[in-house]
């Protein structure tokens, strides 16, 4: 839960920065948000969740 919440916050910050910077207009941003919302209710959601969890675990194991 903590990983998914932090990813949501990070993506929200990126989305706000892109909209304010003019790189992304409000219309496509709404479409992207709705796509993510509806993707979460499909059968593909567990696969996406597993991928994101494995990616976060891999990143956390990297020693700099």
PDB file of N, CA and C in Angstrom:
ATOM      1  N   UNK A   1       0.823  -1.200   0.000  1.00  0.00           N
ATOM      2  CA  UNK A   1       0.000   0.000   0.000  1.00  0.00           C
ATOM      3  C   UNK A   1       0.862   1.258   0.000  1.00  0.00           C
ATOM      4  N   UNK A   2       1.946   1.229   0.780  1.00  0.00           N
ATOM      5  CA  UNK A   2       2.798   2.409   0.854  1.00  0.00           C
ATOM      6  C   UNK A   2       3.459   2.698  -0.480  1.00  0.00           C
ATOM      7  N   UNK A   3       3.828   1.644  -1.209  1.00  0.00           N
ATOM      8  CA  UNK A   3       4.463   1.838  -2.502  1.00  0.00           C
ATOM      9  C   UNK A   3       3.471   2.438  -3.486  1.00  0.00           C
ATOM     10  N   UNK A   4       2.269   1.892  -3.550  1.00  0.00           N
ATOM     11  CA  UNK A   4       1.303   2.396  -4.513  1.00  0.00           C
ATOM     12  C   UNK A   4       0.892   3.836  -4.199  1.00  0.00           C
ATOM     13  N   UNK A   5       0.799   4.168  -2.921  1.00  0.00           N
ATOM     14  CA  UNK A   5       0.439   5.539  -2.551  1.00  0.00           C
ATOM     15  C   UNK A   5       1.548   6.506  -2.946  1.00  0.00           C
ATOM     16  N   UNK A   6       2.799   6.129  -2.709  1.00  0.00           N
ATOM     17  CA  UNK A   6       3.895   7.026  -3.062  1.00  0.00           C
ATOM     18  C   UNK A   6       4.012   7.166  -4.581  1.00  0.00           C
ATOM     19  N   UNK A   7       3.718   6.113  -5.337  1.00  0.00           N
ATOM     20  CA  UNK A   7       3.741   6.198  -6.795  1.00  0.00           C
ATOM     21  C   UNK A   7       2.645   7.143  -7.271  1.00  0.00           C
ATOM     22  N   UNK A   8       1.476   7.064  -6.660  1.00  0.00           N
ATOM     23  CA  UNK A   8       0.377   7.958  -7.029  1.00  0.00           C
ATOM     24  C   UNK A   8       0.755   9.408  -6.763  1.00  0.00           C
ATOM     25  N   UNK A   9       1.362   9.667  -5.629  1.00  0.00           N
ATOM     26  CA  UNK A   9       1.779  11.032  -5.299  1.00  0.00           C
ATOM     27  C   UNK A   9       2.852  11.507  -6.269  1.00  0.00           C
ATOM     28  N   UNK A  10       3.823  10.658  -6.568  1.00  0.00           N
ATOM     29  CA  UNK A  10       4.884  11.027  -7.505  1.00  0.00           C
ATOM     30  C   UNK A  10       4.319  11.324  -8.889  1.00  0.00           C
ATOM     31  N   UNK A  11       3.422  10.470  -9.372  1.00  0.00           N
ATOM     32  CA  UNK A  11       2.829  10.691 -10.680  1.00  0.00           C
ATOM     33  C   UNK A  11       1.950  11.940 -10.708  1.00  0.00           C
ATOM     34  N   UNK A  12       1.276  12.222  -9.609  1.00  0.00           N
ATOM     35  CA  UNK A  12       0.466  13.438  -9.533  1.00  0.00           C
ATOM     36  C   UNK A  12       1.358  14.678  -9.602  1.00  0.00           C
ATOM     37  N   UNK A  13       2.494  14.633  -8.939  1.00  0.00           N
ATOM     38  CA  UNK A  13       3.422  15.766  -8.978  1.00  0.00           C
ATOM     39  C   UNK A  13       3.961  15.955 -10.394  1.00  0.00           C
ATOM     40  N   UNK A  14       4.333  14.863 -11.043  1.00  0.00           N
ATOM     41  CA  UNK A  14       4.824  14.943 -12.422  1.00  0.00           C
ATOM     42  C   UNK A  14       3.743  15.506 -13.340  1.00  0.00           C
ATOM     43  N   UNK A  15       2.515  15.065 -13.154  1.00  0.00           N
ATOM     44  CA  UNK A  15       1.403  15.550 -13.967  1.00  0.00           C
ATOM     45  C   UNK A  15       1.191  17.050 -13.787  1.00  0.00           C
ATOM     46  N   UNK A  16       1.237  17.530 -12.557  1.00  0.00           N
ATOM     47  CA  UNK A  16       1.068  18.960 -12.288  1.00  0.00           C
ATOM     48  C   UNK A  16       2.205  19.763 -12.915  1.00  0.00           C
ATOM     49  N   UNK A  17       3.437  19.261 -12.791  1.00  0.00           N
ATOM     50  CA  UNK A  17       4.585  19.958 -13.371  1.00  0.00           C
ATOM     51  C   UNK A  17       4.462  20.027 -14.895  1.00  0.00           C
ATOM     52  N   UNK A  18       4.035  18.932 -15.520  1.00  0.00           N
ATOM     53  CA  UNK A  18       3.880  18.926 -16.973  1.00  0.00           C
ATOM     54  C   UNK A  18       2.773  19.878 -17.429  1.00  0.00           C
ATOM     55  N   UNK A  19       1.690  19.927 -16.691  1.00  0.00           N
ATOM     56  CA  UNK A  19       0.594  20.835 -17.058  1.00  0.00           C
ATOM     57  C   UNK A  19       1.027  22.286 -16.890  1.00  0.00           C
ATOM     58  N   UNK A  20       1.673  22.598 -15.773  1.00  0.00           N
ATOM     59  CA  UNK A  20       2.102  23.980 -15.519  1.00  0.00           C
ATOM     60  C   UNK A  20       3.199  24.423 -16.482  1.00  0.00           C
ATOM     61  N   UNK A  21       4.041  23.480 -16.884  1.00  0.00           N
ATOM     62  CA  UNK A  21       5.127  23.808 -17.804  1.00  0.00           C
ATOM     63  C   UNK A  21       4.673  23.932 -19.244  1.00  0.00           C
ATOM     64  N   UNK A  22       3.458  23.568 -19.528  1.00  0.00           N
ATOM     65  CA  UNK A  22       2.940  23.675 -20.882  1.00  0.00           C
ATOM     66  C   UNK A  22       3.252  22.473 -21.754  1.00  0.00           C
ATOM     67  N   UNK A  23       3.930  21.470 -21.198  1.00  0.00           N
ATOM     68  CA  UNK A  23       4.254  20.274 -21.971  1.00  0.00           C
ATOM     69  C   UNK A  23       3.035  19.394 -22.184  1.00  0.00           C
ATOM     70  N   UNK A  24       2.068  19.527 -21.313  1.00  0.00           N
ATOM     71  CA  UNK A  24       0.869  18.697 -21.377  1.00  0.00           C
ATOM     72  C   UNK A  24      -0.344  19.585 -21.143  1.00  0.00           C
ATOM     73  N   UNK A  25      -1.271  19.509 -22.052  1.00  0.00           N
ATOM     74  CA  UNK A  25      -2.496  20.304 -21.915  1.00  0.00           C
ATOM     75  C   UNK A  25      -3.490  19.581 -21.014  1.00  0.00           C
ATOM     76  N   UNK A  26      -4.497  20.271 -20.560  1.00  0.00           N
ATOM     77  CA  UNK A  26      -5.466  19.717 -19.615  1.00  0.00           C
ATOM     78  C   UNK A  26      -6.261  18.560 -20.218  1.00  0.00           C
ATOM     79  N   UNK A  27      -6.626  18.654 -21.489  1.00  0.00           N
ATOM     80  CA  UNK A  27      -7.415  17.592 -22.128  1.00  0.00           C
ATOM     81  C   UNK A  27      -6.710  16.248 -22.131  1.00  0.00           C
ATOM     82  N   UNK A  28      -5.476  16.173 -22.680  1.00  0.00           N
ATOM     83  CA  UNK A  28      -4.751  14.902 -22.636  1.00  0.00           C
ATOM     84  C   UNK A  28      -4.454  14.423 -21.221  1.00  0.00           C
ATOM     85  N   UNK A  29      -4.269  15.352 -20.283  1.00  0.00           N
ATOM     86  CA  UNK A  29      -4.030  14.956 -18.894  1.00  0.00           C
ATOM     87  C   UNK A  29      -5.258  14.260 -18.317  1.00  0.00           C
ATOM     88  N   UNK A  30      -6.429  14.790 -18.610  1.00  0.00           N
ATOM     89  CA  UNK A  30      -7.670  14.160 -18.137  1.00  0.00           C
ATOM     90  C   UNK A  30      -7.828  12.777 -18.760  1.00  0.00           C
ATOM     91  N   UNK A  31      -7.503  12.658 -20.041  1.00  0.00           N
ATOM     92  CA  UNK A  31      -7.599  11.361 -20.712  1.00  0.00           C
ATOM     93  C   UNK A  31      -6.638  10.359 -20.055  1.00  0.00           C
ATOM     94  N   UNK A  32      -5.417  10.798 -19.747  1.00  0.00           N
ATOM     95  CA  UNK A  32      -4.444   9.918 -19.110  1.00  0.00           C
ATOM     96  C   UNK A  32      -4.912   9.474 -17.725  1.00  0.00           C
ATOM     97  N   UNK A  33      -5.475  10.393 -16.964  1.00  0.00           N
ATOM     98  CA  UNK A  33      -5.984  10.057 -15.632  1.00  0.00           C
ATOM     99  C   UNK A  33      -7.150   9.071 -15.736  1.00  0.00           C
ATOM    100  N   UNK A  34      -8.062   9.322 -16.646  1.00  0.00           N
ATOM    101  CA  UNK A  34      -9.203   8.412 -16.824  1.00  0.00           C
ATOM    102  C   UNK A  34      -8.749   7.043 -17.318  1.00  0.00           C
ATOM    103  N   UNK A  35      -7.750   7.012 -18.203  1.00  0.00           N
ATOM    104  CA  UNK A  35      -7.212   5.735 -18.664  1.00  0.00           C
ATOM    105  C   UNK A  35      -6.666   4.929 -17.493  1.00  0.00           C
ATOM    106  N   UNK A  36      -5.898   5.572 -16.638  1.00  0.00           N
ATOM    107  CA  UNK A  36      -5.354   4.885 -15.467  1.00  0.00           C
ATOM    108  C   UNK A  36      -6.446   4.415 -14.520  1.00  0.00           C
ATOM    109  N   UNK A  37      -7.459   5.249 -14.351  1.00  0.00           N
ATOM    110  CA  UNK A  37      -8.568   4.891 -13.468  1.00  0.00           C
ATOM    111  C   UNK A  37      -9.302   3.655 -13.979  1.00  0.00           C
ATOM    112  N   UNK A  38      -9.617   3.642 -15.266  1.00  0.00           N
ATOM    113  CA  UNK A  38     -10.341   2.511 -15.823  1.00  0.00           C
ATOM    114  C   UNK A  38      -9.450   1.283 -15.998  1.00  0.00           C
ATOM    115  N   UNK A  39      -8.162   1.478 -16.221  1.00  0.00           N
ATOM    116  CA  UNK A  39      -7.230   0.351 -16.297  1.00  0.00           C
ATOM    117  C   UNK A  39      -7.168  -0.386 -14.972  1.00  0.00           C
ATOM    118  N   UNK A  40      -7.302   0.356 -13.875  1.00  0.00           N
ATOM    119  CA  UNK A  40      -7.247  -0.260 -12.548  1.00  0.00           C
ATOM    120  C   UNK A  40      -8.413  -1.203 -12.290  1.00  0.00           C
ATOM    121  N   UNK A  41      -9.492  -1.067 -13.048  1.00  0.00           N
ATOM    122  CA  UNK A  41     -10.647  -1.942 -12.821  1.00  0.00           C
ATOM    123  C   UNK A  41     -10.706  -3.092 -13.827  1.00  0.00           C
ATOM    124  N   UNK A  42      -9.655  -3.285 -14.621  1.00  0.00           N
ATOM    125  CA  UNK A  42      -9.641  -4.378 -15.591  1.00  0.00           C
ATOM    126  C   UNK A  42      -8.905  -5.584 -15.019  1.00  0.00           C
ATOM    127  N   UNK A  43      -8.891  -6.660 -15.790  1.00  0.00           N
ATOM    128  CA  UNK A  43      -8.168  -7.866 -15.380  1.00  0.00           C
ATOM    129  C   UNK A  43      -6.659  -7.684 -15.466  1.00  0.00           C
ATOM    130  N   UNK A  44      -6.220  -6.629 -16.106  1.00  0.00           N
ATOM    131  CA  UNK A  44      -4.793  -6.368 -16.254  1.00  0.00           C
ATOM    132  C   UNK A  44      -4.187  -5.695 -15.020  1.00  0.00           C
ATOM    133  N   UNK A  45      -5.006  -5.193 -14.131  1.00  0.00           N
ATOM    134  CA  UNK A  45      -4.529  -4.450 -12.960  1.00  0.00           C
ATOM    135  C   UNK A  45      -3.564  -5.257 -12.090  1.00  0.00           C
ATOM    136  N   UNK A  46      -3.832  -6.534 -11.775  1.00  0.00           N
ATOM    137  CA  UNK A  46      -2.864  -7.280 -10.961  1.00  0.00           C
ATOM    138  C   UNK A  46      -1.497  -7.421 -11.630  1.00  0.00           C
ATOM    139  N   UNK A  47      -1.479  -7.567 -12.947  1.00  0.00           N
ATOM    140  CA  UNK A  47      -0.201  -7.679 -13.665  1.00  0.00           C
ATOM    141  C   UNK A  47       0.580  -6.371 -13.592  1.00  0.00           C
ATOM    142  N   UNK A  48      -0.111  -5.262 -13.761  1.00  0.00           N
ATOM    143  CA  UNK A  48       0.538  -3.951 -13.670  1.00  0.00           C
ATOM    144  C   UNK A  48       1.051  -3.736 -12.247  1.00  0.00           C
ATOM    145  N   UNK A  49       0.261  -4.129 -11.256  1.00  0.00           N
ATOM    146  CA  UNK A  49       0.657  -3.982  -9.861  1.00  0.00           C
ATOM    147  C   UNK A  49       1.895  -4.825  -9.549  1.00  0.00           C
ATOM    148  N   UNK A  50       1.925  -6.063 -10.032  1.00  0.00           N
ATOM    149  CA  UNK A  50       3.094  -6.926  -9.810  1.00  0.00           C
ATOM    150  C   UNK A  50       4.336  -6.335 -10.463  1.00  0.00           C
ATOM    151  N   UNK A  51       4.174  -5.818 -11.682  1.00  0.00           N
ATOM    152  CA  UNK A  51       5.311  -5.205 -12.377  1.00  0.00           C
ATOM    153  C   UNK A  51       5.841  -4.005 -11.607  1.00  0.00           C
ATOM    154  N   UNK A  52       4.940  -3.135 -11.150  1.00  0.00           N
ATOM    155  CA  UNK A  52       5.375  -1.947 -10.418  1.00  0.00           C
ATOM    156  C   UNK A  52       6.043  -2.316  -9.097  1.00  0.00           C
ATOM    157  N   UNK A  53       5.511  -3.336  -8.416  1.00  0.00           N
ATOM    158  CA  UNK A  53       6.130  -3.776  -7.166  1.00  0.00           C
ATOM    159  C   UNK A  53       7.521  -4.358  -7.409  1.00  0.00           C
ATOM    160  N   UNK A  54       7.682  -5.153  -8.462  1.00  0.00           N
ATOM    161  CA  UNK A  54       9.001  -5.723  -8.754  1.00  0.00           C
ATOM    162  C   UNK A  54       9.978  -4.627  -9.189  1.00  0.00           C
ATOM    163  N   UNK A  55       9.491  -3.643  -9.917  1.00  0.00           N
ATOM    164  CA  UNK A  55      10.344  -2.527 -10.315  1.00  0.00           C
ATOM    165  C   UNK A  55      10.795  -1.721  -9.092  1.00  0.00           C
ATOM    166  N   UNK A  56       9.870  -1.462  -8.177  1.00  0.00           N
ATOM    167  CA  UNK A  56      10.217  -0.723  -6.956  1.00  0.00           C
ATOM    168  C   UNK A  56      11.201  -1.523  -6.100  1.00  0.00           C
ATOM    169  N   UNK A  57      11.030  -2.830  -6.038  1.00  0.00           N
ATOM    170  CA  UNK A  57      11.937  -3.675  -5.267  1.00  0.00           C
ATOM    171  C   UNK A  57      13.329  -3.682  -5.893  1.00  0.00           C
ATOM    172  N   UNK A  58      13.387  -3.747  -7.208  1.00  0.00           N
ATOM    173  CA  UNK A  58      14.669  -3.727  -7.904  1.00  0.00           C
ATOM    174  C   UNK A  58      15.388  -2.404  -7.681  1.00  0.00           C
ATOM    175  N   UNK A  59      14.680  -1.308  -7.764  1.00  0.00           N
ATOM    176  CA  UNK A  59      15.275   0.013  -7.555  1.00  0.00           C
ATOM    177  C   UNK A  59      15.770   0.155  -6.122  1.00  0.00           C
ATOM    178  N   UNK A  60      15.015  -0.384  -5.176  1.00  0.00           N
ATOM    179  CA  UNK A  60      15.424  -0.262  -3.773  1.00  0.00           C
ATOM    180  C   UNK A  60      16.660  -1.084  -3.454  1.00  0.00           C
ATOM    181  N   UNK A  61      16.960  -2.078  -4.256  1.00  0.00           N
ATOM    182  CA  UNK A  61      18.129  -2.925  -4.011  1.00  0.00           C
ATOM    183  C   UNK A  61      19.405  -2.397  -4.656  1.00  0.00           C
ATOM    184  N   UNK A  62      19.283  -1.342  -5.443  1.00  0.00           N
ATOM    185  CA  UNK A  62      20.452  -0.766  -6.109  1.00  0.00           C
ATOM    186  C   UNK A  62      21.268   0.019  -5.081  1.00  0.00           C
ATOM    187  N   UNK A  63      22.547  -0.288  -5.016  1.00  0.00           N
ATOM    188  CA  UNK A  63      23.447   0.414  -4.097  1.00  0.00           C
ATOM    189  C   UNK A  63      24.257   1.424  -4.897  1.00  0.00           C
ATOM    190  N   UNK A  64      24.216   2.664  -4.481  1.00  0.00           N
ATOM    191  CA  UNK A  64      24.952   3.702  -5.188  1.00  0.00           C
ATOM    192  C   UNK A  64      26.306   3.918  -4.550  1.00  0.00           C
TER     193      UNK A  64
END
